[in-house]
Every structure is written in C-alpha cells, then in structure tokens.
Amino acid sequence: AKDNGGFVLNGRKDWVINVDRAEFMAVIGAVAENKRKSALRVFIVPRAAQGFSLGIKRRTIGLDHLYIGEAIFNDACIDKGNVIKIDEAGSGYLLLTQTFDLGRAMVGATSVGIARAAYETALDYAENRWQFGAAIRKHQAVAFALAEMATKIEMARLITWKACWLMDQGGDYSVSSAMAKMAASNIAQEVTAQAADILGAAGCEKGSFIEQLVRDARVLTTIEGTNNMQKLVISSQL
C-alpha cells in the first residue's frame, strides 16, 4: 500500500533461498493503482528494515548447504527511492520474468556440475573396482552406462551454453533457459541415479558423496519453477 510517498509492505514469501544472510531483498508485490486495478512493482528491502522478520526455516532433502525459509513483512516501510522504475506501473512483471529466465539458466549450469561430479565419481570407482579379473569399467554393462552418462552430460552442457550465449548476445533466451533448466535437471537426476547403481552397495551409503548428489539433483527439478512449469513456458512460445 502507498504511504506518504513511500510504500508499506505486508505479506509472506516462503521458500526463499539465503533469506537469512541477504543484506537486501528484491521483493515483487502488488500495489493498488486504483479501486479496480493493481500492478506489480519491485521493492528493494534492506535486511534491517523495520517490519521484516524471518519465519520458518525449511529442511530440504538436497542443497542443504543453503538456508531456505520464510520472509515476513509486517507493515514494513519502504522509501520511494527503493522502488525500481517507480514511474512505470506494472514494471515488476517484466523484471519477474527476466529474473526467472536468468535463474533457470543458472539451475541448468548447476545441474551440469552435479551430473559431472556423479559421473566422475562413478568412473573413478569403476576404474578401481575389480571383478572377475578386470576393472568393472571393462564390463559392457558398466561401460555402456558410463557412455550414456557422458553423452547426457554433454547434451545438458550444450543446451545450457546456448541459453547463456543468447543472454550474452542480448537475444530472447526465455525458451532456451526453460529448456536448459528442464533438460539439465532431468539429466542430473538420471546420471546421479546411474552413478549410484555403478557404485553398488557404496552407492547406498548414508552420508556418502553420491547420496548428496542424488538429493541435490532431485531438488533442482523443483527450484526456479517445476519442470512441468518449464513445459508450459516452452509450449506457449512454440
């Protein structure tokens, strides 16, 4: 709501990454322009702002190095100087979509890294684990699995590179980012599962590195919009 040239924020946002350590937050909120119309605006909220507090801390199955929790705004006063493009009603929607597009490419890159870590862990294990007189990577079943994993990672890397290249070129990267996020995070899930299979019993060990990667890959299919949401973004622009 508008208040003496500034704004007062009320509401809650759950599942915010690193909400406990951010010095500033970009908050997108709806502001009533008149009795019948509201518009999205972007507010820069300092962590020390009066009326801001932390709510529930969420426990996730993966990416547990991140603090994910709830931001609460209770009559938080925001000066008009902390509103982006204050003279452009509805500018928040464009910034919101651009933020999602950037974030999705980031998830794609993170997924490539997790998949590669799982692949390299499995490859190292397969080179040093011997059965029937040979390293298990020499056995066709394991060799074929490693070949599939390497190919999938290359696919994920290239589609993510394309999205990032379009960003650098100033092109429209909305669809490419959605494709990168969906494809790469799905591949991360597949590759981490295959790596756990290659490790055998060691792939089931609680607290192991491969367990962490499997858990992290699962979370990546959800953050920055679920992969079903990416299908909506892609299909709407075909």
Foldseek 3Di string as FASTA:
>chain_A
DDDPQWDWDFDKDFFDWQLVPDQWDWDWDWDDPDPPDIAIWTFIGGPPFPQKDWDDFDDALAPRVITGTMIGGGRGIGHCVRIPPSVDGRPRVVVVLVVLLVVLLVLLVVLLVLLVVLLVLLVVQQQPDDDPHHRNCPPPVNVVLSVVSVVLSVVLVVLSVVLVVCVVVVHDNSLSSLCSLLSSLVSQLVSLVSSLVSNPPVSVDPPDPSSNSNRHSVVSCPPSHHNVVSVVSNVVVD
